[in-house]
Protein backbone atom coordinates (compact mmCIF):
# COMPACT_ATOMS: atom_id res chain seq x y z
CA UNK A 1 -6.37 -3.86 -2.17
CA UNK A 2 -7.61 -5.14 1.09
CA UNK A 3 -9.60 -8.28 1.00
CA UNK A 4 -13.04 -8.45 2.30
CA UNK A 5 -13.86 -10.93 4.84
CA UNK A 6 -15.63 -13.95 3.51
CA UNK A 7 -18.75 -13.32 5.85
CA UNK A 8 -19.16 -9.66 4.47
CA UNK A 9 -20.29 -8.78 1.07
CA UNK A 10 -17.68 -7.01 -1.14
CA UNK A 11 -17.70 -3.13 -1.17
CA UNK A 12 -19.46 -1.54 -4.13
CA UNK A 13 -17.12 -0.41 -7.03
CA UNK A 14 -17.74 3.09 -8.32
CA UNK A 15 -16.24 3.92 -11.77
CA UNK A 16 -15.47 7.62 -11.64
CA UNK A 17 -15.42 9.22 -15.11
CA UNK A 18 -13.76 12.75 -14.68
CA UNK A 19 -11.16 14.39 -17.12
CA UNK A 20 -9.80 16.64 -14.37
CA UNK A 21 -7.10 14.64 -12.49
CA UNK A 22 -7.32 16.57 -9.22
CA UNK A 23 -11.09 16.39 -9.08
CA UNK A 24 -10.98 12.53 -9.90
CA UNK A 25 -8.45 11.94 -7.16
CA UNK A 26 -10.48 13.82 -4.53
CA UNK A 27 -13.77 12.08 -5.40
CA UNK A 28 -11.82 8.65 -5.27
CA UNK A 29 -10.35 9.55 -1.73
CA UNK A 30 -13.71 10.64 -0.39
CA UNK A 31 -15.57 7.52 -1.64
CA UNK A 32 -12.86 5.03 -0.46
CA UNK A 33 -12.99 6.69 2.98
CA UNK A 34 -16.72 5.96 2.88
CA UNK A 35 -16.11 2.36 2.21
CA UNK A 36 -16.60 2.25 -1.65
CA UNK A 37 -13.95 0.67 -4.05
CA UNK A 38 -13.09 2.90 -7.15
CA UNK A 39 -12.06 2.66 -10.61
CA UNK A 40 -11.11 5.73 -12.64
CA UNK A 41 -11.40 7.01 -16.17
CA UNK A 42 -10.33 10.14 -17.80
CA UNK A 43 -12.17 9.84 -21.22
CA UNK A 44 -15.24 8.27 -22.51
CA UNK A 45 -13.21 5.72 -24.29
CA UNK A 46 -11.68 4.49 -21.04
CA UNK A 47 -15.03 4.55 -19.58
CA UNK A 48 -16.53 2.28 -22.14
CA UNK A 49 -13.78 -0.33 -21.58
CA UNK A 50 -13.99 -0.21 -17.75
CA UNK A 51 -17.88 -0.33 -17.75
CA UNK A 52 -17.70 -3.71 -19.55
CA UNK A 53 -15.93 -5.06 -16.40
CA UNK A 54 -18.98 -4.47 -14.36
CA UNK A 55 -18.54 -1.79 -11.89
CA UNK A 56 -21.62 -1.42 -9.48
CA UNK A 57 -22.19 2.36 -10.43
CA UNK A 58 -20.86 5.16 -12.53
CA UNK A 59 -20.06 8.71 -11.32
CA UNK A 60 -20.01 10.43 -14.62
CA UNK A 61 -18.93 14.12 -15.58
CA UNK A 62 -20.83 15.78 -18.18
CA UNK A 63 -17.82 17.53 -19.80
CA UNK A 64 -15.36 15.00 -21.36
CA UNK A 65 -12.62 15.58 -23.78
CA UNK A 66 -13.86 13.11 -26.41
CA UNK A 67 -17.67 12.77 -25.81
CA UNK A 68 -20.18 14.51 -23.55
CA UNK A 69 -21.48 12.63 -20.45
CA UNK A 70 -25.03 12.61 -21.96
CA UNK A 71 -23.73 10.52 -24.96
CA UNK A 72 -21.78 8.36 -22.85
CA UNK A 73 -24.85 7.69 -20.73
CA UNK A 74 -27.03 7.11 -23.72
CA UNK A 75 -24.59 4.68 -25.38
CA UNK A 76 -24.06 2.62 -22.06
CA UNK A 77 -27.86 2.28 -21.55
CA UNK A 78 -28.23 1.18 -25.15
CA UNK A 79 -25.65 -1.69 -24.83
CA UNK A 80 -27.23 -4.92 -23.31
CA UNK A 81 -23.86 -5.64 -21.54
CA UNK A 82 -23.80 -2.34 -19.59
CA UNK A 83 -27.46 -1.33 -19.62
CA UNK A 84 -28.10 -2.30 -16.02
CA UNK A 85 -25.44 -0.17 -14.49
CA UNK A 86 -26.77 2.86 -12.50
CA UNK A 87 -25.41 6.11 -13.65
CA UNK A 88 -25.14 9.42 -11.69
CA UNK A 89 -24.15 12.46 -13.85
CA UNK A 90 -22.37 15.49 -12.15
CA UNK A 91 -21.49 18.80 -13.59
CA UNK A 92 -20.40 22.25 -12.48
CA UNK A 93 -21.17 23.72 -15.87
CA UNK A 94 -24.25 21.96 -16.93
CA UNK A 95 -26.48 23.12 -14.12
CA UNK A 96 -29.85 24.20 -15.72
CA UNK A 97 -33.02 22.30 -15.51
CA UNK A 98 -32.83 21.71 -19.24
CA UNK A 99 -29.43 20.07 -18.57
CA UNK A 100 -30.73 17.90 -15.75
CA UNK A 101 -33.72 16.80 -17.79
CA UNK A 102 -31.49 15.96 -20.77
CA UNK A 103 -29.38 13.93 -18.52
CA UNK A 104 -32.21 12.00 -16.89
CA UNK A 105 -33.80 11.36 -20.20
CA UNK A 106 -30.62 10.12 -21.46
CA UNK A 107 -30.55 7.35 -19.07
CA UNK A 108 -29.15 8.69 -15.93
CA UNK A 109 -30.39 7.58 -12.48
CA UNK A 110 -29.40 10.71 -10.82
CA UNK A 111 -28.15 14.27 -11.47
CA UNK A 112 -25.83 16.22 -9.10
CA UNK A 113 -24.57 19.80 -9.41
CA UNK A 114 -21.03 20.20 -8.47
CA UNK A 115 -19.57 20.95 -6.06
CA UNK A 116 -21.25 18.43 -3.92
CA UNK A 117 -20.93 17.93 -0.25
CA UNK A 118 -19.45 14.54 0.46
CA UNK A 119 -22.37 13.40 2.70
CA UNK A 120 -24.74 14.19 -0.06
CA UNK A 121 -22.73 12.31 -2.76
CA UNK A 122 -22.39 9.28 -0.62
CA UNK A 123 -26.04 9.23 0.38
CA UNK A 124 -26.98 9.72 -3.24
CA UNK A 125 -24.73 6.68 -4.43
CA UNK A 126 -26.03 4.43 -1.70
CA UNK A 127 -29.65 5.34 -2.38
CA UNK A 128 -29.20 4.64 -6.17
CA UNK A 129 -27.40 1.45 -5.42
CA UNK A 130 -30.04 0.37 -3.02
CA UNK A 131 -32.72 1.13 -5.45
CA UNK A 132 -31.20 -0.86 -8.26
CA UNK A 133 -30.34 -3.73 -5.76
CA UNK A 134 -34.23 -3.70 -4.97
CA UNK A 135 -35.02 -3.60 -8.67
CA UNK A 136 -32.59 -6.50 -9.42
CA UNK A 137 -34.05 -8.51 -6.68
CA UNK A 138 -37.46 -7.93 -8.00
CA UNK A 139 -36.49 -8.78 -11.41
CA UNK A 140 -34.84 -11.96 -9.99
CA UNK A 141 -38.15 -12.72 -8.38
CA UNK A 142 -40.07 -11.98 -11.47
CA UNK A 143 -37.73 -14.10 -13.73
CA UNK A 144 -37.98 -16.94 -10.96
CA UNK A 145 -41.73 -16.61 -10.97
CA UNK A 146 -41.82 -16.62 -14.59
CA UNK A 147 -39.71 -19.68 -14.94
CA UNK A 148 -41.86 -21.45 -12.30
CA UNK A 149 -44.92 -20.53 -14.15
CA UNK A 150 -43.55 -21.74 -17.48
CA UNK A 151 -42.46 -25.10 -15.75
CA UNK A 152 -45.86 -25.49 -14.13
CA UNK A 153 -47.58 -24.73 -17.34
CA UNK A 154 -45.31 -27.37 -19.13
CA UNK A 155 -45.96 -29.90 -16.44
CA UNK A 156 -49.72 -29.25 -16.67
CA UNK A 157 -49.53 -29.56 -20.47
CA UNK A 158 -47.64 -32.85 -20.09
CA UNK A 159 -50.14 -33.92 -17.54
CA UNK A 160 -53.03 -32.97 -19.78
CA UNK A 161 -51.22 -34.84 -22.62
CA UNK A 162 -51.02 -37.96 -20.33
CA UNK A 163 -54.51 -37.74 -19.19
CA UNK A 164 -55.77 -37.41 -22.74
CA UNK A 165 -53.61 -40.37 -23.77
CA UNK A 166 -54.95 -42.57 -20.78
CA UNK A 167 -58.40 -41.36 -21.57
CA UNK A 168 -58.31 -42.57 -25.09
CA UNK A 169 -56.35 -45.72 -24.73
CA UNK A 170 -58.69 -48.60 -25.51
CA UNK A 171 -57.50 -50.76 -22.85
CA UNK A 172 -59.02 -50.42 -19.37
CA UNK A 173 -56.90 -48.50 -16.93
CA UNK A 174 -58.06 -48.46 -13.30
CA UNK A 175 -56.27 -46.96 -10.44
CA UNK A 176 -57.22 -47.79 -6.78
CA UNK A 177 -55.94 -47.02 -3.37
CA UNK A 178 -54.37 -49.59 -1.01
CA UNK A 179 -57.86 -50.79 0.05
CA UNK A 180 -59.03 -51.25 -3.51
CA UNK A 181 -61.26 -48.15 -3.80
CA UNK A 182 -61.05 -46.74 -7.34
CA UNK A 183 -59.40 -43.20 -7.76
CA UNK A 184 -59.08 -43.24 -11.60
CA UNK A 185 -61.14 -44.81 -14.39
CA UNK A 186 -60.56 -44.13 -18.09
CA UNK A 187 -62.70 -44.37 -21.17
CA UNK A 188 -61.48 -47.97 -21.76
CA UNK A 189 -62.77 -48.96 -18.49
CA UNK A 190 -66.27 -47.39 -19.47
CA UNK A 191 -66.14 -49.20 -22.80
CA UNK A 192 -65.18 -52.57 -21.04
CA UNK A 193 -67.60 -52.57 -17.90
CA UNK A 194 -70.22 -49.93 -19.04
CA UNK A 195 -69.92 -47.72 -15.94
CA UNK A 196 -68.95 -44.10 -16.09
CA UNK A 197 -66.04 -42.77 -14.06
CA UNK A 198 -68.57 -40.69 -12.05
CA UNK A 199 -70.38 -44.09 -11.11
CA UNK A 200 -67.12 -45.90 -10.09
CA UNK A 201 -64.81 -43.34 -8.44
CA UNK A 202 -64.70 -44.29 -4.76
CA UNK A 203 -66.23 -47.68 -5.50
CA UNK A 204 -64.40 -51.00 -4.70
CA UNK A 205 -62.88 -53.10 -7.54
CA UNK A 206 -64.73 -55.87 -6.05
CA UNK A 207 -67.81 -54.52 -7.58
CA UNK A 208 -66.50 -55.46 -10.95
CA UNK A 209 -65.52 -58.95 -10.08
CA UNK A 210 -68.60 -60.47 -8.04
CA UNK A 211 -67.29 -64.05 -8.60
CA UNK A 212 -64.25 -63.17 -6.35
CA UNK A 213 -64.71 -63.05 -2.64
CA UNK A 214 -63.55 -60.07 -0.65
CA UNK A 215 -60.99 -62.48 0.97
CA UNK A 216 -59.50 -63.46 -2.48
CA UNK A 217 -59.36 -59.67 -3.57
CA UNK A 218 -57.51 -58.76 -0.22
CA UNK A 219 -55.01 -61.56 -0.71
CA UNK A 220 -54.54 -60.64 -4.25
CA UNK A 221 -53.68 -57.00 -3.37
CA UNK A 222 -51.20 -58.23 -0.75
CA UNK A 223 -49.67 -60.49 -3.24
CA UNK A 224 -49.20 -57.45 -5.61
CA UNK A 225 -47.42 -55.50 -3.08
CA UNK A 226 -45.04 -58.40 -2.21
CA UNK A 227 -44.22 -59.66 -5.72
CA UNK A 228 -44.44 -56.43 -7.77
CA UNK A 229 -47.30 -57.55 -10.01
CA UNK A 230 -50.03 -59.94 -10.87
CA UNK A 231 -51.42 -61.03 -14.10
CA UNK A 232 -54.28 -63.44 -14.98
CA UNK A 233 -57.81 -63.87 -16.62
CA UNK A 234 -60.71 -62.88 -14.53
CA UNK A 235 -64.40 -63.21 -14.90
CA UNK A 236 -65.93 -59.73 -14.48
CA UNK A 237 -69.54 -58.36 -14.66
CA UNK A 238 -70.61 -55.51 -16.86
CA UNK A 239 -73.30 -52.81 -15.79
CA UNK A 240 -76.00 -54.74 -17.72
CA UNK A 241 -75.15 -57.90 -15.74
CA UNK A 242 -73.58 -59.65 -18.73
CA UNK A 243 -70.29 -61.56 -18.11
CA UNK A 244 -67.04 -60.34 -19.58
CA UNK A 245 -63.52 -62.12 -19.40
CA UNK A 246 -60.67 -59.78 -18.67
CA UNK A 247 -56.98 -60.23 -19.03
CA UNK A 248 -55.68 -58.02 -16.35
CA UNK A 249 -52.08 -56.96 -15.16
CA UNK A 250 -51.87 -55.18 -11.89
CA UNK A 251 -48.77 -53.53 -10.45
CA UNK A 252 -48.37 -51.37 -7.41
CA UNK A 253 -48.12 -47.55 -7.50
CA UNK A 254 -45.34 -46.12 -5.12
CA UNK A 255 -44.42 -42.75 -3.72
CA UNK A 256 -41.04 -41.11 -4.29
CA UNK A 257 -39.92 -42.74 -1.18
CA UNK A 258 -40.83 -46.17 -2.52
CA UNK A 259 -43.84 -46.68 -0.38
CA UNK A 260 -46.95 -48.35 -1.84
CA UNK A 261 -49.80 -45.96 -2.34
CA UNK A 262 -52.09 -47.94 -4.52
CA UNK A 263 -52.50 -50.06 -7.59
CA UNK A 264 -52.75 -49.59 -11.44
CA UNK A 265 -54.64 -52.37 -13.42
CA UNK A 266 -54.55 -52.54 -17.08
CA UNK A 267 -57.35 -54.87 -18.44
CA UNK A 268 -58.44 -56.04 -21.89
CA UNK A 269 -61.64 -57.87 -23.03
CA UNK A 270 -60.77 -61.37 -23.97
CA UNK A 271 -64.16 -62.86 -24.08
CA UNK A 272 -64.16 -63.32 -27.89
CA UNK A 273 -60.58 -64.79 -27.72
CA UNK A 274 -61.54 -67.26 -25.02
CA UNK A 275 -64.59 -68.25 -27.10
CA UNK A 276 -62.40 -68.69 -30.12
CA UNK A 277 -59.98 -70.70 -28.10
CA UNK A 278 -62.77 -72.83 -26.85
CA UNK A 279 -64.21 -73.35 -30.23
CA UNK A 280 -60.78 -74.22 -31.66
CA UNK A 281 -60.36 -76.85 -28.87
CA UNK A 282 -63.91 -78.11 -29.49
CA UNK A 283 -63.27 -78.63 -33.21
CA UNK A 284 -59.94 -80.10 -32.59
CA UNK A 285 -61.64 -82.74 -30.08
CA UNK A 286 -64.42 -83.24 -32.73
CA UNK A 287 -61.80 -83.93 -35.54
CA UNK A 288 -60.07 -86.50 -33.15
CA UNK A 289 -63.47 -88.11 -32.48
CA UNK A 290 -64.22 -88.27 -36.18
CA UNK A 291 -60.89 -89.77 -36.93
CA UNK A 292 -61.52 -92.39 -34.15
CA UNK A 293 -64.99 -93.11 -35.57
CA UNK A 294 -63.84 -93.46 -39.15
CA UNK A 295 -60.75 -95.55 -38.25
CA UNK A 296 -62.46 -97.89 -35.87
CA UNK A 297 -66.21 -98.09 -36.26
CA UNK A 298 -66.52 -98.01 -39.93
CA UNK A 299 -63.63 -100.62 -40.23
CA UNK A 300 -65.80 -103.44 -38.64
CA UNK A 301 -68.65 -103.34 -41.32
CA UNK A 302 -66.20 -102.74 -44.06
CA UNK A 303 -64.17 -105.82 -42.98
CA UNK A 304 -67.43 -107.91 -42.80
CA UNK A 305 -68.36 -106.90 -46.32
CA UNK A 306 -64.76 -107.77 -47.56
CA UNK A 307 -64.78 -111.07 -45.87
CA UNK A 308 -68.26 -112.07 -47.02
CA UNK A 309 -67.26 -111.07 -50.59
CA UNK A 310 -63.98 -113.02 -50.42
CA UNK A 311 -65.88 -116.15 -48.99
CA UNK A 312 -68.46 -116.05 -51.78
CA UNK A 313 -65.71 -115.84 -54.41
CA UNK A 314 -63.85 -118.69 -52.94
CA UNK A 315 -66.80 -121.06 -52.70
CA UNK A 316 -67.82 -122.04 -56.28
CA UNK A 317 -71.04 -123.89 -56.59
CA UNK A 318 -72.13 -123.15 -53.14
CA UNK A 319 -75.81 -123.73 -52.24
CA UNK A 320 -78.38 -121.01 -52.46
CA UNK A 321 -78.85 -120.71 -48.57
CA UNK A 322 -75.08 -120.07 -48.18
CA UNK A 323 -75.32 -117.44 -50.96
CA UNK A 324 -78.22 -115.83 -49.23
CA UNK A 325 -76.50 -115.72 -45.99
CA UNK A 326 -73.43 -114.13 -47.38
CA UNK A 327 -75.35 -111.53 -49.40
CA UNK A 328 -77.31 -110.83 -46.31
CA UNK A 329 -74.44 -110.27 -44.27
CA UNK A 330 -72.96 -107.90 -46.89
CA UNK A 331 -76.36 -105.94 -47.23
CA UNK A 332 -76.58 -105.64 -43.28
CA UNK A 333 -72.94 -104.40 -43.10
CA UNK A 334 -73.60 -101.94 -46.02
CA UNK A 335 -76.69 -100.63 -44.37
CA UNK A 336 -74.90 -100.19 -41.11
CA UNK A 337 -72.08 -98.18 -42.75
CA UNK A 338 -74.80 -96.11 -44.54
CA UNK A 339 -76.40 -95.34 -41.03
CA UNK A 340 -72.88 -94.46 -39.73
CA UNK A 341 -72.21 -92.23 -42.67
CA UNK A 342 -75.43 -90.49 -42.32
CA UNK A 343 -74.98 -90.01 -38.72
CA UNK A 344 -71.57 -88.62 -39.16
CA UNK A 345 -72.80 -86.15 -41.63
CA UNK A 346 -75.68 -85.08 -39.34
CA UNK A 347 -73.25 -84.93 -36.49
CA UNK A 348 -70.87 -82.66 -38.23
CA UNK A 349 -73.63 -80.34 -39.58
CA UNK A 350 -75.06 -80.10 -36.06
CA UNK A 351 -71.84 -79.53 -34.36
CA UNK A 352 -69.91 -77.26 -36.72
CA UNK A 353 -72.09 -76.62 -39.92
CA UNK A 354 -74.62 -74.16 -38.30
CA UNK A 355 -77.19 -76.72 -37.17
CA UNK A 356 -79.74 -78.99 -38.88
CA UNK A 357 -82.61 -77.03 -40.48
CA UNK A 358 -85.84 -78.74 -40.97
CA UNK A 359 -88.09 -78.41 -44.16
CA UNK A 360 -91.62 -78.51 -42.88
CA UNK A 361 -94.53 -79.81 -44.89
CA UNK A 362 -98.02 -80.89 -44.14
CA UNK A 363 -97.99 -84.44 -42.53
CA UNK A 364 -100.17 -86.78 -40.58
CA UNK A 365 -97.85 -87.94 -37.62
CA UNK A 366 -99.95 -91.03 -37.02
CA UNK A 367 -99.50 -92.34 -40.67
CA UNK A 368 -95.84 -91.39 -40.53
CA UNK A 369 -95.41 -93.48 -37.35
CA UNK A 370 -97.32 -96.46 -38.78
CA UNK A 371 -94.90 -96.44 -41.64
CA UNK A 372 -91.68 -96.26 -39.64
CA UNK A 373 -93.02 -99.06 -37.32
CA UNK A 374 -93.55 -101.29 -40.35
CA UNK A 375 -90.30 -100.65 -41.81
CA UNK A 376 -88.39 -101.35 -38.44
CA UNK A 377 -90.64 -104.39 -38.10
CA UNK A 378 -89.54 -105.73 -41.48
CA UNK A 379 -85.98 -105.43 -40.51
CA UNK A 380 -86.71 -107.08 -37.21
CA UNK A 381 -89.33 -109.72 -37.87
CA UNK A 382 -88.79 -111.53 -34.51
CA UNK A 383 -89.57 -108.50 -32.44
CA UNK A 384 -92.88 -107.26 -31.18
CA UNK A 385 -94.20 -103.76 -31.52
CA UNK A 386 -97.24 -102.01 -30.12
CA UNK A 387 -98.60 -99.01 -31.75
CA UNK A 388 -100.89 -96.45 -30.12
CA UNK A 389 -102.28 -93.42 -31.94
CA UNK A 390 -104.62 -90.94 -30.33
CA UNK A 391 -105.98 -87.42 -31.12
CA UNK A 392 -105.44 -85.37 -34.22
CA UNK A 393 -102.04 -86.21 -35.92
CA UNK A 394 -102.19 -83.53 -38.66
CA UNK A 395 -99.28 -81.17 -38.50
CA UNK A 396 -96.57 -79.09 -40.45
CA UNK A 397 -93.28 -81.09 -39.88
CA UNK A 398 -90.16 -82.18 -41.73
CA UNK A 399 -91.35 -85.81 -42.40
CA UNK A 400 -87.93 -87.17 -43.25
CA UNK A 401 -86.42 -85.68 -40.18
CA UNK A 402 -89.21 -86.98 -37.88
CA UNK A 403 -88.76 -90.38 -39.53
CA UNK A 404 -85.13 -90.32 -38.45
CA UNK A 405 -85.99 -89.26 -34.94
CA UNK A 406 -88.46 -92.12 -34.66
CA UNK A 407 -86.23 -94.78 -36.39
CA UNK A 408 -83.25 -93.89 -34.14
CA UNK A 409 -85.44 -94.18 -30.98
CA UNK A 410 -86.95 -97.52 -32.07
CA UNK A 411 -83.49 -98.82 -33.01
CA UNK A 412 -82.19 -97.66 -29.50
CA UNK A 413 -85.09 -99.49 -27.84
CA UNK A 414 -84.50 -102.61 -29.68
CA UNK A 415 -80.82 -102.64 -29.04
CA UNK A 416 -81.25 -102.04 -25.26
CA UNK A 417 -84.07 -104.36 -24.58
CA UNK A 418 -84.42 -108.19 -24.30
CA UNK A 419 -85.49 -109.81 -27.57
CA UNK A 420 -88.64 -111.23 -26.07
CA UNK A 421 -89.97 -107.94 -24.79
CA UNK A 422 -92.28 -105.61 -26.63
CA UNK A 423 -91.42 -102.14 -27.85
CA UNK A 424 -94.47 -99.63 -27.37
CA UNK A 425 -94.72 -96.65 -29.87
CA UNK A 426 -97.32 -93.92 -28.98
CA UNK A 427 -98.25 -91.07 -31.30
CA UNK A 428 -100.53 -88.41 -29.69
CA UNK A 429 -102.01 -85.10 -30.78
CA UNK A 430 -103.04 -82.47 -27.98
CA UNK A 431 -104.20 -78.89 -29.04
CA UNK A 432 -101.03 -77.37 -30.46
CA UNK A 433 -98.72 -79.98 -29.56
CA UNK A 434 -97.66 -83.36 -31.16
CA UNK A 435 -95.97 -86.03 -29.17
CA UNK A 436 -94.05 -89.33 -29.78
CA UNK A 437 -93.22 -91.81 -27.01
CA UNK A 438 -91.14 -94.99 -27.35
CA UNK A 439 -90.89 -97.40 -24.45
CA UNK A 440 -88.91 -100.49 -23.82
CA UNK A 441 -88.45 -102.95 -20.86
CA UNK A 442 -84.69 -102.91 -21.05
CA UNK A 443 -82.39 -102.35 -18.09
CA UNK A 444 -82.65 -98.97 -16.62
CA UNK A 445 -80.40 -96.03 -17.42
CA UNK A 446 -78.55 -94.66 -14.49
CA UNK A 447 -79.29 -91.02 -13.37
CA UNK A 448 -75.55 -90.24 -14.38
CA UNK A 449 -76.04 -91.50 -17.81
CA UNK A 450 -79.29 -89.74 -18.15
CA UNK A 451 -77.61 -86.45 -17.65
CA UNK A 452 -75.19 -87.14 -20.63
CA UNK A 453 -77.24 -89.49 -22.90
CA UNK A 454 -77.91 -86.75 -25.47
CA UNK A 455 -74.20 -85.81 -25.70
CA UNK A 456 -72.27 -87.19 -28.73
CA UNK A 457 -70.35 -90.30 -28.74
CA UNK A 458 -72.25 -91.86 -25.64
CA UNK A 459 -72.89 -95.65 -25.79
CA UNK A 460 -74.71 -97.74 -23.40
CA UNK A 461 -72.71 -99.81 -21.12
CA UNK A 462 -75.02 -102.77 -20.84
CA UNK A 463 -76.39 -103.51 -24.36
CA UNK A 464 -77.74 -106.88 -24.67
CA UNK A 465 -77.05 -107.16 -28.46
CA UNK A 466 -73.51 -105.98 -29.54
CA UNK A 467 -74.00 -107.09 -33.05
CA UNK A 468 -75.54 -103.96 -34.24
CA UNK A 469 -73.12 -101.69 -32.40
CA UNK A 470 -73.56 -97.85 -33.25
CA UNK A 471 -71.12 -95.00 -33.16
CA UNK A 472 -73.01 -93.24 -30.24
CA UNK A 473 -74.48 -90.38 -32.23
CA UNK A 474 -78.06 -91.35 -32.57
CA UNK A 475 -79.44 -89.70 -29.48
CA UNK A 476 -77.37 -86.64 -30.02
CA UNK A 477 -78.77 -86.20 -33.52
CA UNK A 478 -82.32 -86.92 -32.28
CA UNK A 479 -82.12 -84.06 -29.77
CA UNK A 480 -80.89 -81.71 -32.37
CA UNK A 481 -83.66 -82.69 -34.84
CA UNK A 482 -86.24 -82.23 -31.99
CA UNK A 483 -84.86 -78.72 -31.21
CA UNK A 484 -84.85 -77.83 -34.88
CA UNK A 485 -88.64 -78.40 -34.64
CA UNK A 486 -88.67 -76.04 -31.49
CA UNK A 487 -89.51 -78.99 -29.31
CA UNK A 488 -88.00 -81.13 -26.43
CA UNK A 489 -87.02 -84.63 -25.61
CA UNK A 490 -87.19 -86.27 -22.09
CA UNK A 491 -86.16 -89.66 -20.95
CA UNK A 492 -87.45 -91.61 -17.92
CA UNK A 493 -86.05 -94.77 -16.81
CA UNK A 494 -86.41 -97.21 -13.84
CA UNK A 495 -86.40 -100.84 -12.97
CA UNK A 496 -90.09 -101.04 -12.45
CA UNK A 497 -91.27 -98.86 -15.39
CA UNK A 498 -88.70 -99.57 -17.94
CA UNK A 499 -87.25 -96.74 -20.30
CA UNK A 500 -89.17 -94.08 -22.05
CA UNK A 501 -88.21 -91.37 -24.52
CA UNK A 502 -90.86 -88.70 -24.93
CA UNK A 503 -90.72 -86.15 -27.67
CA UNK A 504 -92.95 -82.95 -27.71
CA UNK A 505 -93.00 -80.65 -30.78
CA UNK A 506 -95.24 -77.74 -31.90
CA UNK A 507 -98.07 -78.96 -34.36
CA UNK A 508 -96.94 -76.58 -36.81
CA UNK A 509 -93.25 -75.91 -37.37
CA UNK A 510 -92.67 -72.70 -39.46
CA UNK A 511 -89.60 -70.74 -40.11
CA UNK A 512 -87.89 -72.98 -37.57
CA UNK A 513 -84.41 -71.91 -38.49
CA UNK A 514 -81.59 -74.21 -37.38
CA UNK A 515 -80.68 -75.95 -34.28
CA UNK A 516 -77.18 -75.11 -33.04
CA UNK A 517 -75.05 -77.65 -31.37
């Protein structure tokens, strides 16, 4: 068999099924001369075997020794392995319209009445082959189109799934172009910042982080392209203007060629986490401060009590003056410890216990002030106090807590002023407001110290009298007690005017709640 040049398609193979040897030979010669290749079968059985080898077309005689051509055609068309092979039936005996109809309905693609002119036979074969080739190409196109459509539908389904996943992820996912303009915004971003996707698409990510300058953001984007990612905690702004801390990781988005096309940022609200961290740090610092206070400041008066008691026990028959001195020292140190413990309890409650809640009752501020001044005067007989009361002093206050405020201010004034200078106390009533003012002629408080004087554990640097050293909580507690009454406290201090603490509180404190530190 001659080989077909590689540049040309192989000649079509015609399976000739004819029981007459002479006719079969003649048909084969004519077709081979016309450019076809031929296989030959004399029976239906041989035709079935050769058909499975895949000829391009069958030329099938109707009258065969074992089966009719009609039955052979029907079986071939019913077998998936041979169903696509075109069949032309040919007969010199079955020539009626009914015969032709039976052949065509049985699956034949053409029907020829013998004898057939060679030109007609070749033309018919070529026409049927061309028709089947077109049909096969169309089928391939349809299959290809069907496969492409199925692949596209699968890709779309996967894309929809991915979009649904991204849309329902609780983390914020924001995609932007290289200039920082937002191109994708998921539901998590809406939950985090309050803006809808429609509001943010096309906007700059700078809108979300107003605390960052345009130069910072541009430098950050350039850094991401260079290093591959950037992580950090950024202070953002919600739609309602509130601040939100965001833990964000941003990576570059690249094309198939590896070129950067934009950025993907995944963010999470860590505002509560930062608050918890800050609170944990504050509590740790507070615990450290309390440990320092207990281990250092309470040790001094406790040591004084111990030494005085041991001294008293060692000296039998000592005179009354010595006993009074020792007992006075013990009492003074015990009172100092009592004040320290009270301040520590108030400090702890104000800092981590939810605040100090007042218990308001009807009280006369003027009378309360006189009582406190008398008590402090009794404890400090060598000091001079000036009391001024003006206006209506009636109100609804927590008498014990206001006593604590005034006592702390008076004690502070005594400790920070010369022994021979007076302390002035003023109690005033004006409309719906009550005021307290404590003034001393001690050294002025610097502007820097005035800014932090109401913070805990702040002690004066130039105290004239260090024998009554405190733990630095008095003014902190005073500030909380005043705020618990919905009031405010201010300090003014200068070399010429001395130092004044002024407290203003509503005349009637009702349902004051608590003052949080």
